[in-house]
Amino acid sequence: MTYEVKPASEVPNDSKRARHHRYPFGTMSVGYAFSVPADDPAAQPSPGSPTSRVANAAGLYGRRHGVKFESRRQNDGSMRIERIA
């Protein structure tokens, strides 16, 4: 098989595609928060872990991007995620 070599400007770059994110971590500034309703599966504890999927996602995003989030379970069972740094 032969490959045709083209100038880089003519080859599409897949990394420029817009990505859909489930949670708005990238748009949050310090002091902003969002809530995940109690009936959303992301607010429920993960199997074998006391934390929810949204809390795990916030921690992972924070480690990758050098920011910090605080997650709290509210009295009604919903999760509140706040950016703290």
PDB file of N, CA and C in Angstrom:
ATOM      1  N   MET A   1       0.839  -1.174   0.000  1.00  0.00           N
ATOM      2  CA  MET A   1       0.000   0.000   0.000  1.00  0.00           C
ATOM      3  C   MET A   1       0.885   1.238   0.000  1.00  0.00           C
ATOM      4  N   THR A   2       0.519   2.235  -0.781  1.00  0.00           N
ATOM      5  CA  THR A   2       1.275   3.483  -0.825  1.00  0.00           C
ATOM      6  C   THR A   2       0.459   4.594  -0.192  1.00  0.00           C
ATOM      7  N   TYR A   3       1.157   5.518   0.390  1.00  0.00           N
ATOM      8  CA  TYR A   3       0.515   6.648   1.045  1.00  0.00           C
ATOM      9  C   TYR A   3       0.895   7.916   0.312  1.00  0.00           C
ATOM     10  N   GLU A   4      -0.072   8.785   0.148  1.00  0.00           N
ATOM     11  CA  GLU A   4       0.183  10.063  -0.513  1.00  0.00           C
ATOM     12  C   GLU A   4       0.588  11.084   0.545  1.00  0.00           C
ATOM     13  N   VAL A   5       1.711  11.718   0.342  1.00  0.00           N
ATOM     14  CA  VAL A   5       2.198  12.726   1.264  1.00  0.00           C
ATOM     15  C   VAL A   5       1.664  14.083   0.817  1.00  0.00           C
ATOM     16  N   LYS A   6       1.042  14.818   1.784  1.00  0.00           N
ATOM     17  CA  LYS A   6       0.469  16.140   1.499  1.00  0.00           C
ATOM     18  C   LYS A   6       1.038  17.147   2.484  1.00  0.00           C
ATOM     19  N   PRO A   7       0.955  18.423   2.147  1.00  0.00           N
ATOM     20  CA  PRO A   7       1.336  19.438   3.136  1.00  0.00           C
ATOM     21  C   PRO A   7       0.445  19.325   4.372  1.00  0.00           C
ATOM     22  N   ALA A   8       0.988  19.618   5.524  1.00  0.00           N
ATOM     23  CA  ALA A   8       0.252  19.460   6.779  1.00  0.00           C
ATOM     24  C   ALA A   8      -1.023  20.285   6.822  1.00  0.00           C
ATOM     25  N   SER A   9      -1.064  21.405   6.128  1.00  0.00           N
ATOM     26  CA  SER A   9      -2.262  22.241   6.142  1.00  0.00           C
ATOM     27  C   SER A   9      -3.434  21.579   5.429  1.00  0.00           C
ATOM     28  N   GLU A  10      -3.183  20.581   4.595  1.00  0.00           N
ATOM     29  CA  GLU A  10      -4.236  19.891   3.866  1.00  0.00           C
ATOM     30  C   GLU A  10      -4.736  18.636   4.578  1.00  0.00           C
ATOM     31  N   VAL A  11      -4.035  18.182   5.592  1.00  0.00           N
ATOM     32  CA  VAL A  11      -4.421  16.977   6.317  1.00  0.00           C
ATOM     33  C   VAL A  11      -5.279  17.394   7.508  1.00  0.00           C
ATOM     34  N   PRO A  12      -6.503  16.848   7.625  1.00  0.00           N
ATOM     35  CA  PRO A  12      -7.352  17.241   8.751  1.00  0.00           C
ATOM     36  C   PRO A  12      -6.751  16.798  10.077  1.00  0.00           C
ATOM     37  N   ASN A  13      -6.864  17.658  11.060  1.00  0.00           N
ATOM     38  CA  ASN A  13      -6.341  17.380  12.391  1.00  0.00           C
ATOM     39  C   ASN A  13      -7.522  17.040  13.291  1.00  0.00           C
ATOM     40  N   ASP A  14      -7.654  15.787  13.691  1.00  0.00           N
ATOM     41  CA  ASP A  14      -8.779  15.344  14.502  1.00  0.00           C
ATOM     42  C   ASP A  14      -8.797  15.994  15.888  1.00  0.00           C
ATOM     43  N   SER A  15      -7.659  16.453  16.380  1.00  0.00           N
ATOM     44  CA  SER A  15      -7.632  17.038  17.719  1.00  0.00           C
ATOM     45  C   SER A  15      -8.322  18.397  17.759  1.00  0.00           C
ATOM     46  N   LYS A  16      -8.643  18.973  16.624  1.00  0.00           N
ATOM     47  CA  LYS A  16      -9.321  20.269  16.604  1.00  0.00           C
ATOM     48  C   LYS A  16     -10.842  20.132  16.687  1.00  0.00           C
ATOM     49  N   ARG A  17     -11.325  18.897  16.692  1.00  0.00           N
ATOM     50  CA  ARG A  17     -12.767  18.682  16.785  1.00  0.00           C
ATOM     51  C   ARG A  17     -13.270  19.133  18.144  1.00  0.00           C
ATOM     52  N   ALA A  18     -14.479  19.667  18.153  1.00  0.00           N
ATOM     53  CA  ALA A  18     -15.098  20.059  19.416  1.00  0.00           C
ATOM     54  C   ALA A  18     -15.474  18.805  20.190  1.00  0.00           C
ATOM     55  N   ARG A  19     -15.232  18.817  21.477  1.00  0.00           N
ATOM     56  CA  ARG A  19     -15.569  17.670  22.314  1.00  0.00           C
ATOM     57  C   ARG A  19     -16.759  18.023  23.186  1.00  0.00           C
ATOM     58  N   HIS A  20     -17.593  17.052  23.403  1.00  0.00           N
ATOM     59  CA  HIS A  20     -18.733  17.227  24.293  1.00  0.00           C
ATOM     60  C   HIS A  20     -18.316  16.742  25.675  1.00  0.00           C
ATOM     61  N   HIS A  21     -18.529  17.578  26.673  1.00  0.00           N
ATOM     62  CA  HIS A  21     -18.189  17.216  28.040  1.00  0.00           C
ATOM     63  C   HIS A  21     -19.469  17.059  28.840  1.00  0.00           C
ATOM     64  N   ARG A  22     -19.516  16.033  29.640  1.00  0.00           N
ATOM     65  CA  ARG A  22     -20.705  15.760  30.447  1.00  0.00           C
ATOM     66  C   ARG A  22     -20.878  16.797  31.553  1.00  0.00           C
ATOM     67  N   TYR A  23     -19.782  17.206  32.157  1.00  0.00           N
ATOM     68  CA  TYR A  23     -19.834  18.152  33.274  1.00  0.00           C
ATOM     69  C   TYR A  23     -19.106  19.441  32.884  1.00  0.00           C
ATOM     70  N   PRO A  24     -19.523  20.585  33.442  1.00  0.00           N
ATOM     71  CA  PRO A  24     -18.963  21.879  33.013  1.00  0.00           C
ATOM     72  C   PRO A  24     -17.700  22.312  33.753  1.00  0.00           C
ATOM     73  N   PHE A  25     -16.806  21.385  34.070  1.00  0.00           N
ATOM     74  CA  PHE A  25     -15.612  21.735  34.843  1.00  0.00           C
ATOM     75  C   PHE A  25     -14.764  22.802  34.159  1.00  0.00           C
ATOM     76  N   GLY A  26     -14.609  22.728  32.866  1.00  0.00           N
ATOM     77  CA  GLY A  26     -13.741  23.649  32.136  1.00  0.00           C
ATOM     78  C   GLY A  26     -14.256  25.069  32.089  1.00  0.00           C
ATOM     79  N   THR A  27     -15.546  25.273  32.291  1.00  0.00           N
ATOM     80  CA  THR A  27     -16.118  26.627  32.222  1.00  0.00           C
ATOM     81  C   THR A  27     -16.262  27.258  33.598  1.00  0.00           C
ATOM     82  N   MET A  28     -15.905  26.536  34.647  1.00  0.00           N
ATOM     83  CA  MET A  28     -16.111  27.034  36.014  1.00  0.00           C
ATOM     84  C   MET A  28     -14.929  27.870  36.488  1.00  0.00           C
ATOM     85  N   SER A  29     -15.253  28.984  37.136  1.00  0.00           N
ATOM     86  CA  SER A  29     -14.253  29.807  37.816  1.00  0.00           C
ATOM     87  C   SER A  29     -14.313  29.496  39.307  1.00  0.00           C
ATOM     88  N   VAL A  30     -13.311  29.932  40.046  1.00  0.00           N
ATOM     89  CA  VAL A  30     -13.287  29.724  41.490  1.00  0.00           C
ATOM     90  C   VAL A  30     -14.535  30.372  42.102  1.00  0.00           C
ATOM     91  N   GLY A  31     -15.208  29.633  42.965  1.00  0.00           N
ATOM     92  CA  GLY A  31     -16.406  30.124  43.628  1.00  0.00           C
ATOM     93  C   GLY A  31     -17.703  29.740  42.925  1.00  0.00           C
ATOM     94  N   TYR A  32     -17.603  29.106  41.764  1.00  0.00           N
ATOM     95  CA  TYR A  32     -18.805  28.678  41.039  1.00  0.00           C
ATOM     96  C   TYR A  32     -19.087  27.208  41.348  1.00  0.00           C
ATOM     97  N   ALA A  33     -20.368  26.838  41.260  1.00  0.00           N
ATOM     98  CA  ALA A  33     -20.766  25.474  41.590  1.00  0.00           C
ATOM     99  C   ALA A  33     -21.914  25.036  40.693  1.00  0.00           C
ATOM    100  N   PHE A  34     -22.116  23.723  40.639  1.00  0.00           N
ATOM    101  CA  PHE A  34     -23.291  23.173  39.982  1.00  0.00           C
ATOM    102  C   PHE A  34     -23.762  21.981  40.796  1.00  0.00           C
ATOM    103  N   SER A  35     -25.028  21.608  40.596  1.00  0.00           N
ATOM    104  CA  SER A  35     -25.614  20.494  41.327  1.00  0.00           C
ATOM    105  C   SER A  35     -26.040  19.399  40.365  1.00  0.00           C
ATOM    106  N   VAL A  36     -25.913  18.169  40.822  1.00  0.00           N
ATOM    107  CA  VAL A  36     -26.392  17.009  40.080  1.00  0.00           C
ATOM    108  C   VAL A  36     -27.566  16.457  40.889  1.00  0.00           C
ATOM    109  N   PRO A  37     -28.768  16.376  40.297  1.00  0.00           N
ATOM    110  CA  PRO A  37     -29.944  15.917  41.048  1.00  0.00           C
ATOM    111  C   PRO A  37     -29.755  14.514  41.625  1.00  0.00           C
ATOM    112  N   ALA A  38     -30.458  14.243  42.708  1.00  0.00           N
ATOM    113  CA  ALA A  38     -30.331  12.957  43.396  1.00  0.00           C
ATOM    114  C   ALA A  38     -30.761  11.789  42.522  1.00  0.00           C
ATOM    115  N   ASP A  39     -31.698  12.004  41.588  1.00  0.00           N
ATOM    116  CA  ASP A  39     -32.170  10.906  40.759  1.00  0.00           C
ATOM    117  C   ASP A  39     -31.254  10.623  39.560  1.00  0.00           C
ATOM    118  N   ASP A  40     -30.231  11.440  39.359  1.00  0.00           N
ATOM    119  CA  ASP A  40     -29.259  11.215  38.283  1.00  0.00           C
ATOM    120  C   ASP A  40     -28.292  10.113  38.729  1.00  0.00           C
ATOM    121  N   PRO A  41     -28.042   9.106  37.884  1.00  0.00           N
ATOM    122  CA  PRO A  41     -27.114   8.034  38.278  1.00  0.00           C
ATOM    123  C   PRO A  41     -25.724   8.539  38.652  1.00  0.00           C
ATOM    124  N   ALA A  42     -25.288   9.668  38.121  1.00  0.00           N
ATOM    125  CA  ALA A  42     -23.962  10.205  38.436  1.00  0.00           C
ATOM    126  C   ALA A  42     -23.859  10.672  39.878  1.00  0.00           C
ATOM    127  N   ALA A  43     -24.993  10.924  40.530  1.00  0.00           N
ATOM    128  CA  ALA A  43     -24.984  11.373  41.928  1.00  0.00           C
ATOM    129  C   ALA A  43     -24.967  10.204  42.899  1.00  0.00           C
ATOM    130  N   GLN A  44     -25.238   9.002  42.408  1.00  0.00           N
ATOM    131  CA  GLN A  44     -25.275   7.812  43.265  1.00  0.00           C
ATOM    132  C   GLN A  44     -23.858   7.314  43.527  1.00  0.00           C
ATOM    133  N   PRO A  45     -23.619   6.710  44.684  1.00  0.00           N
ATOM    134  CA  PRO A  45     -22.281   6.170  44.953  1.00  0.00           C
ATOM    135  C   PRO A  45     -21.900   5.121  43.923  1.00  0.00           C
ATOM    136  N   SER A  46     -20.636   5.134  43.528  1.00  0.00           N
ATOM    137  CA  SER A  46     -20.121   4.140  42.589  1.00  0.00           C
ATOM    138  C   SER A  46     -20.059   2.781  43.273  1.00  0.00           C
ATOM    139  N   PRO A  47     -20.240   1.685  42.531  1.00  0.00           N
ATOM    140  CA  PRO A  47     -20.131   0.352  43.147  1.00  0.00           C
ATOM    141  C   PRO A  47     -18.761   0.154  43.795  1.00  0.00           C
ATOM    142  N   GLY A  48     -18.766  -0.231  45.044  1.00  0.00           N
ATOM    143  CA  GLY A  48     -17.522  -0.493  45.757  1.00  0.00           C
ATOM    144  C   GLY A  48     -16.804   0.753  46.246  1.00  0.00           C
ATOM    145  N   SER A  49     -17.451   1.919  46.127  1.00  0.00           N
ATOM    146  CA  SER A  49     -16.815   3.169  46.542  1.00  0.00           C
ATOM    147  C   SER A  49     -17.871   4.091  47.147  1.00  0.00           C
ATOM    148  N   PRO A  50     -17.525   4.839  48.179  1.00  0.00           N
ATOM    149  CA  PRO A  50     -18.515   5.750  48.768  1.00  0.00           C
ATOM    150  C   PRO A  50     -18.720   7.036  47.964  1.00  0.00           C
ATOM    151  N   THR A  51     -17.892   7.285  46.961  1.00  0.00           N
ATOM    152  CA  THR A  51     -18.004   8.529  46.196  1.00  0.00           C
ATOM    153  C   THR A  51     -18.820   8.319  44.932  1.00  0.00           C
ATOM    154  N   SER A  52     -19.369   9.411  44.425  1.00  0.00           N
ATOM    155  CA  SER A  52     -20.194   9.343  43.219  1.00  0.00           C
ATOM    156  C   SER A  52     -19.329   9.512  41.968  1.00  0.00           C
ATOM    157  N   ARG A  53     -19.923   9.191  40.808  1.00  0.00           N
ATOM    158  CA  ARG A  53     -19.189   9.342  39.543  1.00  0.00           C
ATOM    159  C   ARG A  53     -18.817  10.795  39.302  1.00  0.00           C
ATOM    160  N   VAL A  54     -19.716  11.731  39.619  1.00  0.00           N
ATOM    161  CA  VAL A  54     -19.416  13.136  39.369  1.00  0.00           C
ATOM    162  C   VAL A  54     -18.281  13.616  40.283  1.00  0.00           C
ATOM    163  N   ALA A  55     -18.235  13.129  41.519  1.00  0.00           N
ATOM    164  CA  ALA A  55     -17.136  13.504  42.418  1.00  0.00           C
ATOM    165  C   ALA A  55     -15.812  12.926  41.918  1.00  0.00           C
ATOM    166  N   ASN A  56     -15.836  11.690  41.428  1.00  0.00           N
ATOM    167  CA  ASN A  56     -14.628  11.088  40.854  1.00  0.00           C
ATOM    168  C   ASN A  56     -14.172  11.865  39.625  1.00  0.00           C
ATOM    169  N   ALA A  57     -15.125  12.257  38.774  1.00  0.00           N
ATOM    170  CA  ALA A  57     -14.788  13.013  37.566  1.00  0.00           C
ATOM    171  C   ALA A  57     -14.193  14.374  37.922  1.00  0.00           C
ATOM    172  N   ALA A  58     -14.726  15.020  38.954  1.00  0.00           N
ATOM    173  CA  ALA A  58     -14.192  16.317  39.380  1.00  0.00           C
ATOM    174  C   ALA A  58     -12.758  16.182  39.875  1.00  0.00           C
ATOM    175  N   GLY A  59     -12.496  15.140  40.650  1.00  0.00           N
ATOM    176  CA  GLY A  59     -11.137  14.912  41.144  1.00  0.00           C
ATOM    177  C   GLY A  59     -10.154  14.632  40.021  1.00  0.00           C
ATOM    178  N   LEU A  60     -10.564  13.820  39.063  1.00  0.00           N
ATOM    179  CA  LEU A  60      -9.700  13.509  37.926  1.00  0.00           C
ATOM    180  C   LEU A  60      -9.434  14.749  37.084  1.00  0.00           C
ATOM    181  N   TYR A  61     -10.479  15.526  36.802  1.00  0.00           N
ATOM    182  CA  TYR A  61     -10.296  16.756  36.031  1.00  0.00           C
ATOM    183  C   TYR A  61      -9.354  17.699  36.782  1.00  0.00           C
ATOM    184  N   GLY A  62      -9.536  17.810  38.086  1.00  0.00           N
ATOM    185  CA  GLY A  62      -8.685  18.687  38.889  1.00  0.00           C
ATOM    186  C   GLY A  62      -7.219  18.295  38.842  1.00  0.00           C
ATOM    187  N   ARG A  63      -6.930  16.999  38.954  1.00  0.00           N
ATOM    188  CA  ARG A  63      -5.537  16.542  38.892  1.00  0.00           C
ATOM    189  C   ARG A  63      -4.928  16.795  37.521  1.00  0.00           C
ATOM    190  N   ARG A  64      -5.711  16.594  36.468  1.00  0.00           N
ATOM    191  CA  ARG A  64      -5.190  16.794  35.113  1.00  0.00           C
ATOM    192  C   ARG A  64      -4.968  18.260  34.765  1.00  0.00           C
ATOM    193  N   HIS A  65      -5.774  19.148  35.337  1.00  0.00           N
ATOM    194  CA  HIS A  65      -5.722  20.560  34.951  1.00  0.00           C
ATOM    195  C   HIS A  65      -5.232  21.492  36.056  1.00  0.00           C
ATOM    196  N   GLY A  66      -4.818  20.964  37.191  1.00  0.00           N
ATOM    197  CA  GLY A  66      -4.242  21.774  38.260  1.00  0.00           C
ATOM    198  C   GLY A  66      -5.253  22.668  38.968  1.00  0.00           C
ATOM    199  N   VAL A  67      -6.496  22.215  39.088  1.00  0.00           N
ATOM    200  CA  VAL A  67      -7.526  22.959  39.810  1.00  0.00           C
ATOM    201  C   VAL A  67      -8.095  22.064  40.895  1.00  0.00           C
ATOM    202  N   LYS A  68      -8.882  22.644  41.818  1.00  0.00           N
ATOM    203  CA  LYS A  68      -9.443  21.859  42.918  1.00  0.00           C
ATOM    204  C   LYS A  68     -10.951  22.065  42.981  1.00  0.00           C
ATOM    205  N   PHE A  69     -11.630  20.976  43.303  1.00  0.00           N
ATOM    206  CA  PHE A  69     -13.071  20.988  43.466  1.00  0.00           C
ATOM    207  C   PHE A  69     -13.423  20.407  44.825  1.00  0.00           C
ATOM    208  N   GLU A  70     -14.564  20.822  45.336  1.00  0.00           N
ATOM    209  CA  GLU A  70     -15.105  20.248  46.557  1.00  0.00           C
ATOM    210  C   GLU A  70     -16.459  19.656  46.208  1.00  0.00           C
ATOM    211  N   SER A  71     -16.684  18.421  46.612  1.00  0.00           N
ATOM    212  CA  SER A  71     -17.979  17.787  46.341  1.00  0.00           C
ATOM    213  C   SER A  71     -18.661  17.501  47.664  1.00  0.00           C
ATOM    214  N   ARG A  72     -19.949  17.799  47.706  1.00  0.00           N
ATOM    215  CA  ARG A  72     -20.731  17.561  48.925  1.00  0.00           C
ATOM    216  C   ARG A  72     -22.078  16.962  48.566  1.00  0.00           C
ATOM    217  N   ARG A  73     -22.478  15.956  49.322  1.00  0.00           N
ATOM    218  CA  ARG A  73     -23.818  15.400  49.170  1.00  0.00           C
ATOM    219  C   ARG A  73     -24.764  16.254  50.003  1.00  0.00           C
ATOM    220  N   GLN A  74     -25.819  16.746  49.386  1.00  0.00           N
ATOM    221  CA  GLN A  74     -26.799  17.587  50.051  1.00  0.00           C
ATOM    222  C   GLN A  74     -27.821  16.717  50.793  1.00  0.00           C
ATOM    223  N   ASN A  75     -28.628  17.325  51.657  1.00  0.00           N
ATOM    224  CA  ASN A  75     -29.624  16.589  52.436  1.00  0.00           C
ATOM    225  C   ASN A  75     -30.639  15.874  51.558  1.00  0.00           C
ATOM    226  N   ASP A  76     -30.914  16.422  50.366  1.00  0.00           N
ATOM    227  CA  ASP A  76     -31.892  15.801  49.466  1.00  0.00           C
ATOM    228  C   ASP A  76     -31.273  14.705  48.593  1.00  0.00           C
ATOM    229  N   GLY A  77     -29.992  14.391  48.778  1.00  0.00           N
ATOM    230  CA  GLY A  77     -29.325  13.338  48.027  1.00  0.00           C
ATOM    231  C   GLY A  77     -28.598  13.819  46.786  1.00  0.00           C
ATOM    232  N   SER A  78     -28.771  15.084  46.411  1.00  0.00           N
ATOM    233  CA  SER A  78     -28.078  15.617  45.242  1.00  0.00           C
ATOM    234  C   SER A  78     -26.614  15.873  45.586  1.00  0.00           C
ATOM    235  N   MET A  79     -25.792  16.028  44.544  1.00  0.00           N
ATOM    236  CA  MET A  79     -24.372  16.329  44.739  1.00  0.00           C
ATOM    237  C   MET A  79     -24.110  17.764  44.302  1.00  0.00           C
ATOM    238  N   ARG A  80     -23.338  18.489  45.087  1.00  0.00           N
ATOM    239  CA  ARG A  80     -22.943  19.860  44.756  1.00  0.00           C
ATOM    240  C   ARG A  80     -21.438  19.856  44.538  1.00  0.00           C
ATOM    241  N   ILE A  81     -21.012  20.335  43.362  1.00  0.00           N
ATOM    242  CA  ILE A  81     -19.591  20.389  43.022  1.00  0.00           C
ATOM    243  C   ILE A  81     -19.217  21.855  42.908  1.00  0.00           C
ATOM    244  N   GLU A  82     -18.233  22.277  43.713  1.00  0.00           N
ATOM    245  CA  GLU A  82     -17.780  23.676  43.710  1.00  0.00           C
ATOM    246  C   GLU A  82     -16.297  23.731  43.393  1.00  0.00           C
ATOM    247  N   ARG A  83     -15.912  24.681  42.560  1.00  0.00           N
ATOM    248  CA  ARG A  83     -14.484  24.888  42.294  1.00  0.00           C
ATOM    249  C   ARG A  83     -13.940  25.778  43.396  1.00  0.00           C
ATOM    250  N   ILE A  84     -12.900  25.322  44.090  1.00  0.00           N
ATOM    251  CA  ILE A  84     -12.347  26.053  45.214  1.00  0.00           C
ATOM    252  C   ILE A  84     -10.955  26.608  44.950  1.00  0.00           C
ATOM    253  N   ALA A  85     -10.282  26.178  43.897  1.00  0.00           N
ATOM    254  CA  ALA A  85      -8.956  26.712  43.566  1.00  0.00           C
ATOM    255  C   ALA A  85      -8.626  26.433  42.116  1.00  0.00           C
TER     256      ALA A  85
END
